[in-house]
Amino acid sequence: MHKHYTRVCNFYYGAQSKVLIKNKKSLPLNGSNLISFDQIEIVSRKSKKRIFINKIDNLPKYIKKKIKSDIKKIIKKKKIKNLNFKSLPNIMGVLNITPDSFSDGGKFNKNYLAKKQLDYLFKSGSDLVDIGGESTRPGSKSISAKVEWRRVKNILKRIGKKKILSLDTRKSEIMEKGIKLGVKLINDVSGLSYDKNSINILKKYNTPFVLQHSLGDPEKMQNNPKYKNVILDIYDFFEERIKYLRQVGIKHNNIILDPGIGFGKNLKHNIMIIKNISIYHSLGFPILIGTSRKRFIKELSQNNDSSTRVGGTISSVIFGMMQGVHIIRVHDVNEVNQSIKIFKQLIK
């Protein structure tokens, strides 16, 4: 018997969503009446079939049971400590305090520049800001914990617990030091596989974290990445990793999922993930996506590429928003926030 997956689809947003939910024509996504759906796609590694939600009872018994279980997770309101999902998406600003990050390396690796940019990101509408002291761009090499901590410690000390800060790190030593200074979220691009002690630190402090999928280390991850089925392979990775994390005592409501756009994926993989990202709702956790300024925008736009790739970033953000993504990780917070505000007003 093939394993089946549930992808919610055919979404409605804003006023139309509220009316359809009221009339029991659609189901709310994540407990919100601002976005809903009336179709699902039943997916296996052999086939896929799209049906309306009012046809679920006509399915074979074993598939119907699985679909209904998934839908319970999909419509349930998601909660993460320190984050508020009443208005989606949450905006996670990016602050790289590094000399070699792929798009802004060297721009903010002085304390006064980092502080100025952090203030600007929050003023522009960031719900939280992700601070990183080690580049994990394709081809990058690992640095020592000593160097990484030296880059981020001053900005963390200056901000403390006043704002919601996320710390982008793979090292348990950096995680613990950051948490003690008030960091509210850990964003580990390795999916907690780089440093085996990371899980213990997150468990000890009960700290929320982003579980990201990445195919190998940044140094080699773009060397001809291959999958049997990129969407389902990532789903299975999340499912297996979550099962393990539960076994070691990680609280269910402290996990955010990130399929890792550009982390061991080529153009085809990235596009497939973005287009089908709603499949990960059936895992029952908030979803984060980071498309900001990434290479796939250049590959798709070709001669219309630009240094900041704001247009491509905004397009992918709005698409993700319409798929119910909870958190978007972006560099150009002001421009992205502007686009979201306009979009929301237009669909009222």
Protein backbone atom coordinates (compact mmCIF):
# COMPACT_ATOMS: atom_id res chain seq x y z
CA MET A 1 0.00 0.00 0.00
CA HIS A 2 1.40 3.39 -1.02
CA LYS A 3 1.90 6.16 1.50
CA HIS A 4 -0.50 9.06 0.93
CA TYR A 5 0.05 12.75 1.60
CA THR A 6 -2.50 15.58 1.84
CA ARG A 7 -1.90 18.90 0.11
CA VAL A 8 -4.50 21.59 0.74
CA CYS A 9 -5.22 23.74 -2.30
CA ASN A 10 -7.64 26.14 -3.96
CA PHE A 11 -7.33 28.88 -1.34
CA TYR A 12 -9.53 31.89 -0.65
CA TYR A 13 -8.36 35.00 1.14
CA GLY A 14 -9.91 37.91 3.01
CA ALA A 15 -13.61 38.73 2.72
CA GLN A 16 -14.33 35.88 0.33
CA SER A 17 -12.80 33.38 2.74
CA LYS A 18 -14.94 34.62 5.63
CA VAL A 19 -18.14 34.24 3.60
CA LEU A 20 -17.27 30.74 2.40
CA ILE A 21 -16.38 29.54 5.90
CA LYS A 22 -19.61 31.00 7.28
CA ASN A 23 -21.57 29.14 4.61
CA LYS A 24 -19.56 25.94 5.23
CA LYS A 25 -18.19 25.97 1.70
CA SER A 26 -14.53 26.02 2.77
CA LEU A 27 -12.39 25.14 5.78
CA PRO A 28 -10.18 27.59 7.67
CA LEU A 29 -6.43 27.19 7.44
CA ASN A 30 -4.62 27.31 10.80
CA GLY A 31 -7.80 28.33 12.62
CA SER A 32 -8.08 31.65 10.77
CA ASN A 33 -11.10 32.75 8.77
CA LEU A 34 -8.86 35.02 6.65
CA ILE A 35 -7.62 32.12 4.55
CA SER A 36 -9.46 28.92 3.70
CA PHE A 37 -9.54 26.07 1.18
CA ASP A 38 -12.14 23.88 -0.47
CA GLN A 39 -9.96 21.30 -2.21
CA ILE A 40 -7.22 18.84 -1.36
CA GLU A 41 -4.74 16.96 -3.48
CA ILE A 42 -4.16 13.35 -2.48
CA VAL A 43 -0.54 12.60 -3.34
CA SER A 44 1.55 9.44 -3.43
CA ARG A 45 4.83 8.64 -5.14
CA LYS A 46 2.81 7.03 -7.92
CA SER A 47 -0.10 9.41 -8.42
CA LYS A 48 -2.02 12.49 -7.33
CA LYS A 49 -5.69 13.36 -7.41
CA ARG A 50 -7.48 16.60 -6.54
CA ILE A 51 -10.93 16.55 -4.97
CA PHE A 52 -13.31 18.97 -3.23
CA ILE A 53 -13.49 18.63 0.55
CA ASN A 54 -17.15 17.64 0.37
CA LYS A 55 -16.12 14.49 -1.53
CA ILE A 56 -13.76 13.13 1.14
CA ASP A 57 -16.41 10.75 2.52
CA ASN A 58 -16.53 9.02 -0.86
CA LEU A 59 -12.89 7.90 -0.57
CA PRO A 60 -11.76 4.37 0.36
CA LYS A 61 -11.79 3.86 4.13
CA TYR A 62 -8.01 3.75 4.71
CA ILE A 63 -7.39 6.92 2.65
CA LYS A 64 -10.36 8.76 4.19
CA LYS A 65 -9.03 8.11 7.69
CA LYS A 66 -5.61 9.50 6.77
CA ILE A 67 -7.06 12.57 5.03
CA LYS A 68 -9.36 13.44 7.94
CA SER A 69 -6.49 13.10 10.40
CA ASP A 70 -4.38 15.45 8.25
CA ILE A 71 -7.17 18.00 7.95
CA LYS A 72 -7.48 18.19 11.75
CA LYS A 73 -3.82 19.26 11.85
CA ILE A 74 -4.27 21.66 8.94
CA ILE A 75 -7.20 23.60 10.38
CA LYS A 76 -5.84 23.72 13.94
CA LYS A 77 -4.55 27.08 15.17
CA LYS A 78 -0.75 27.11 15.43
CA LYS A 79 1.06 28.51 18.47
CA ILE A 80 4.73 29.25 19.01
CA LYS A 81 6.04 30.88 22.18
CA ASN A 82 6.77 34.62 21.67
CA LEU A 83 5.18 34.70 18.20
CA ASN A 84 1.69 35.87 17.24
CA PHE A 85 0.04 34.31 14.19
CA LYS A 86 -3.18 36.31 14.32
CA SER A 87 -2.07 38.22 11.23
CA LEU A 88 -0.14 36.25 8.62
CA PRO A 89 2.49 36.19 7.48
CA ASN A 90 4.95 37.18 10.19
CA ILE A 91 7.94 39.01 8.74
CA MET A 92 11.39 37.82 9.76
CA GLY A 93 14.01 40.41 8.85
CA VAL A 94 17.56 39.31 8.01
CA LEU A 95 20.71 40.75 9.57
CA ASN A 96 23.94 39.08 8.50
CA ILE A 97 26.91 40.24 10.56
CA THR A 98 29.38 38.55 8.24
CA PRO A 99 31.92 39.51 5.58
CA ASP A 100 30.77 36.85 3.10
CA SER A 101 26.99 36.30 3.08
CA PHE A 102 25.61 35.85 -0.43
CA SER A 103 23.76 39.17 -0.80
CA ASP A 104 24.82 41.53 1.97
CA GLY A 105 28.17 40.22 3.19
CA GLY A 106 30.27 42.98 4.74
CA LYS A 107 27.50 45.60 4.84
CA PHE A 108 26.69 45.24 8.53
CA ASN A 109 29.70 43.60 10.14
CA LYS A 110 30.54 46.68 12.21
CA ASN A 111 28.60 47.17 15.46
CA TYR A 112 27.16 50.59 14.66
CA LEU A 113 26.07 49.48 11.18
CA ALA A 114 24.45 46.33 12.56
CA LYS A 115 22.58 48.30 15.24
CA LYS A 116 21.38 50.84 12.68
CA GLN A 117 20.13 48.13 10.34
CA LEU A 118 18.43 46.22 13.16
CA ASP A 119 16.54 49.35 14.20
CA TYR A 120 15.54 49.94 10.57
CA LEU A 121 14.25 46.37 10.14
CA PHE A 122 12.01 46.63 13.20
CA LYS A 123 10.84 50.13 12.24
CA SER A 124 9.93 48.77 8.78
CA GLY A 125 7.66 46.14 10.26
CA SER A 126 9.71 43.08 11.18
CA ASP A 127 7.96 40.86 13.71
CA LEU A 128 11.34 39.36 14.48
CA VAL A 129 14.88 39.58 13.08
CA ASP A 130 17.19 36.68 12.28
CA ILE A 131 20.81 37.49 13.18
CA GLY A 132 23.64 35.41 11.76
CA GLY A 133 27.39 35.44 12.30
CA GLU A 134 28.30 32.64 9.89
CA SER A 135 27.56 32.55 6.19
CA THR A 136 25.83 29.37 5.00
CA ARG A 137 25.61 30.39 1.35
CA PRO A 138 26.42 27.71 -1.25
CA GLY A 139 30.15 27.00 -1.17
CA SER A 140 30.78 28.59 2.23
CA LYS A 141 33.02 26.96 4.82
CA SER A 142 32.41 26.58 8.55
CA ILE A 143 34.04 29.03 10.95
CA SER A 144 34.97 28.57 14.60
CA ALA A 145 32.48 29.25 17.39
CA LYS A 146 34.89 31.86 18.73
CA VAL A 147 34.81 33.88 15.50
CA GLU A 148 31.05 33.50 15.10
CA TRP A 149 30.32 34.63 18.67
CA ARG A 150 32.63 37.63 18.35
CA ARG A 151 30.59 38.82 15.40
CA VAL A 152 27.15 38.62 17.04
CA LYS A 153 27.66 39.09 20.77
CA ASN A 154 27.72 42.88 20.86
CA ILE A 155 24.47 43.37 18.98
CA LEU A 156 22.77 40.72 21.14
CA LYS A 157 23.99 42.40 24.31
CA ARG A 158 22.75 45.80 23.14
CA ILE A 159 19.26 44.61 22.27
CA GLY A 160 18.75 42.03 25.01
CA LYS A 161 15.13 41.00 25.58
CA LYS A 162 13.47 44.13 24.20
CA LYS A 163 12.80 42.67 20.75
CA ILE A 164 12.13 39.22 19.33
CA LEU A 165 15.46 38.04 17.96
CA SER A 166 16.20 34.82 16.13
CA LEU A 167 19.75 33.48 16.03
CA ASP A 168 20.91 31.84 12.81
CA THR A 169 23.51 29.32 13.96
CA ARG A 170 24.43 25.63 13.72
CA LYS A 171 26.47 25.53 16.92
CA SER A 172 25.08 24.62 20.36
CA GLU A 173 27.62 26.85 22.11
CA ILE A 174 26.38 29.89 20.20
CA MET A 175 22.76 28.88 20.75
CA GLU A 176 23.17 28.71 24.53
CA LYS A 177 25.02 32.02 24.79
CA GLY A 178 22.41 33.71 22.61
CA ILE A 179 19.48 32.30 24.56
CA LYS A 180 21.02 33.59 27.79
CA LEU A 181 21.14 37.07 26.23
CA GLY A 182 17.46 36.98 25.28
CA VAL A 183 17.29 35.24 21.88
CA LYS A 184 13.74 33.89 21.43
CA LEU A 185 14.19 31.58 18.43
CA ILE A 186 16.97 29.41 17.00
CA ASN A 187 17.28 29.03 13.23
CA ASP A 188 19.58 26.10 12.42
CA VAL A 189 19.99 25.55 8.67
CA SER A 190 21.36 22.04 9.29
CA GLY A 191 18.13 20.71 10.78
CA LEU A 192 19.93 20.18 14.11
CA SER A 193 22.34 17.71 12.50
CA TYR A 194 25.57 19.77 12.51
CA ASP A 195 26.04 19.79 16.29
CA LYS A 196 24.60 16.85 18.22
CA ASN A 197 24.37 18.90 21.42
CA SER A 198 21.98 21.44 19.86
CA ILE A 199 18.93 19.34 20.72
CA ASN A 200 19.99 19.23 24.38
CA ILE A 201 20.30 23.02 24.52
CA LEU A 202 16.90 23.58 22.92
CA LYS A 203 15.35 21.08 25.29
CA LYS A 204 17.09 22.59 28.34
CA TYR A 205 15.82 26.12 27.66
CA ASN A 206 12.52 25.14 26.00
CA THR A 207 13.42 27.43 23.11
CA PRO A 208 11.44 27.45 19.83
CA PHE A 209 13.44 26.63 16.72
CA VAL A 210 13.29 26.38 12.95
CA LEU A 211 13.80 22.87 11.61
CA GLN A 212 15.21 23.40 8.13
CA HIS A 213 15.84 20.87 5.39
CA SER A 214 19.28 21.03 3.80
CA LEU A 215 20.92 18.46 1.55
CA GLY A 216 24.45 18.28 2.95
CA ASP A 217 26.82 20.99 4.19
CA PRO A 218 26.83 24.44 2.53
CA GLU A 219 30.29 23.77 1.10
CA LYS A 220 29.00 20.95 -1.14
CA MET A 221 25.19 21.14 -1.08
CA GLN A 222 24.85 22.57 -4.59
CA ASN A 223 27.00 19.91 -6.24
CA ASN A 224 24.32 18.24 -8.36
CA PRO A 225 21.60 17.74 -5.70
CA LYS A 226 19.31 14.78 -6.41
CA TYR A 227 15.97 13.59 -5.02
CA LYS A 228 13.52 10.82 -5.86
CA ASN A 229 10.69 13.30 -5.30
CA VAL A 230 11.83 16.60 -3.78
CA ILE A 231 8.44 17.49 -2.25
CA LEU A 232 7.85 14.11 -0.63
CA ASP A 233 11.49 13.50 0.30
CA ILE A 234 11.46 16.73 2.32
CA TYR A 235 8.08 15.80 3.85
CA ASP A 236 9.50 12.43 4.95
CA PHE A 237 12.59 14.14 6.36
CA PHE A 238 10.41 16.43 8.48
CA GLU A 239 8.21 13.56 9.62
CA GLU A 240 11.14 11.38 10.67
CA ARG A 241 12.99 14.25 12.35
CA ILE A 242 9.88 15.36 14.27
CA LYS A 243 9.32 11.81 15.47
CA TYR A 244 12.87 11.68 16.80
CA LEU A 245 12.61 15.11 18.45
CA ARG A 246 9.43 14.05 20.24
CA GLN A 247 11.21 10.94 21.52
CA VAL A 248 13.98 13.04 23.09
CA GLY A 249 11.51 15.40 24.78
CA ILE A 250 11.20 18.43 22.49
CA LYS A 251 7.80 20.08 23.00
CA HIS A 252 5.47 19.80 20.03
CA ASN A 253 4.62 23.49 19.84
CA ASN A 254 8.23 24.69 19.62
CA ILE A 255 8.90 23.60 16.05
CA ILE A 256 8.74 25.64 12.82
CA LEU A 257 9.35 23.96 9.45
CA ASP A 258 11.48 25.42 6.64
CA PRO A 259 11.93 23.40 3.41
CA GLY A 260 15.19 25.27 2.78
CA ILE A 261 14.94 27.02 -0.60
CA GLY A 262 18.40 26.98 -2.21
CA PHE A 263 19.92 24.61 0.34
CA GLY A 264 20.84 21.62 -1.80
CA LYS A 265 18.24 22.36 -4.47
CA ASN A 266 18.44 23.35 -8.13
CA LEU A 267 15.98 25.62 -9.95
CA LYS A 268 13.48 22.84 -10.65
CA HIS A 269 13.56 21.71 -7.01
CA ASN A 270 13.04 25.25 -5.68
CA ILE A 271 10.09 25.96 -7.96
CA MET A 272 8.45 22.63 -7.10
CA ILE A 273 8.79 23.33 -3.37
CA ILE A 274 7.35 26.84 -3.58
CA LYS A 275 4.43 25.76 -5.78
CA ASN A 276 3.57 22.85 -3.49
CA ILE A 277 4.52 24.28 -0.10
CA SER A 278 0.99 23.83 1.25
CA ILE A 279 1.60 20.09 1.51
CA TYR A 280 3.63 20.71 4.67
CA HIS A 281 0.56 22.07 6.51
CA SER A 282 -0.52 18.47 7.07
CA LEU A 283 2.48 17.96 9.37
CA GLY A 284 0.74 20.28 11.82
CA PHE A 285 3.45 22.91 12.35
CA PRO A 286 3.98 26.53 11.27
CA ILE A 287 5.86 26.96 7.99
CA LEU A 288 8.69 29.38 7.26
CA ILE A 289 10.05 30.12 3.81
CA GLY A 290 13.09 32.11 2.75
CA THR A 291 13.08 33.14 -0.91
CA SER A 292 14.60 36.60 -0.48
CA ARG A 293 17.17 37.56 -3.15
CA LYS A 294 17.89 33.92 -3.98
CA ARG A 295 19.42 32.56 -7.16
CA PHE A 296 16.21 31.07 -8.54
CA ILE A 297 14.94 34.64 -9.06
CA LYS A 298 17.90 35.37 -11.31
CA GLU A 299 17.46 32.07 -13.15
CA LEU A 300 13.80 32.80 -13.86
CA SER A 301 14.05 36.53 -14.59
CA GLN A 302 17.27 36.24 -16.67
CA ASN A 303 18.05 39.67 -18.17
CA ASN A 304 15.63 41.29 -15.71
CA ASP A 305 17.74 40.29 -12.72
CA SER A 306 18.77 43.01 -10.25
CA SER A 307 21.08 43.30 -7.26
CA THR A 308 18.35 43.12 -4.62
CA ARG A 309 15.81 41.05 -6.61
CA VAL A 310 12.98 42.81 -4.79
CA GLY A 311 10.43 42.09 -7.51
CA GLY A 312 11.06 38.35 -7.48
CA THR A 313 11.14 38.30 -3.70
CA ILE A 314 7.77 40.06 -3.45
CA SER A 315 6.16 37.74 -6.02
CA SER A 316 7.28 34.66 -4.12
CA VAL A 317 6.25 36.20 -0.78
CA ILE A 318 2.70 36.96 -1.97
CA PHE A 319 2.42 33.47 -3.43
CA GLY A 320 3.60 31.95 -0.14
CA MET A 321 1.18 34.15 1.76
CA MET A 322 -1.67 32.78 -0.39
CA GLN A 323 -0.56 29.26 0.56
CA GLY A 324 -0.82 30.07 4.26
CA VAL A 325 2.89 30.33 5.05
CA HIS A 326 3.34 31.60 8.62
CA ILE A 327 6.74 33.30 8.45
CA ILE A 328 8.61 34.87 5.55
CA ARG A 329 12.34 35.53 5.89
CA VAL A 330 13.33 38.63 3.91
CA HIS A 331 16.06 41.25 3.61
CA ASP A 332 13.97 44.13 2.20
CA VAL A 333 11.41 44.32 4.98
CA ASN A 334 10.02 47.76 4.11
CA GLU A 335 9.30 46.91 0.48
CA VAL A 336 7.86 43.49 1.29
CA ASN A 337 5.69 44.90 4.07
CA GLN A 338 4.44 47.57 1.68
CA SER A 339 3.41 44.91 -0.84
CA ILE A 340 1.60 42.83 1.80
CA LYS A 341 -0.32 45.85 3.10
CA ILE A 342 -1.49 46.80 -0.38
CA PHE A 343 -2.44 43.23 -1.22
CA LYS A 344 -4.49 42.85 1.96
CA GLN A 345 -6.37 46.09 1.28
CA LEU A 346 -7.17 45.06 -2.28
CA ILE A 347 -8.79 41.78 -1.25
CA LYS A 348 -10.87 43.19 1.62
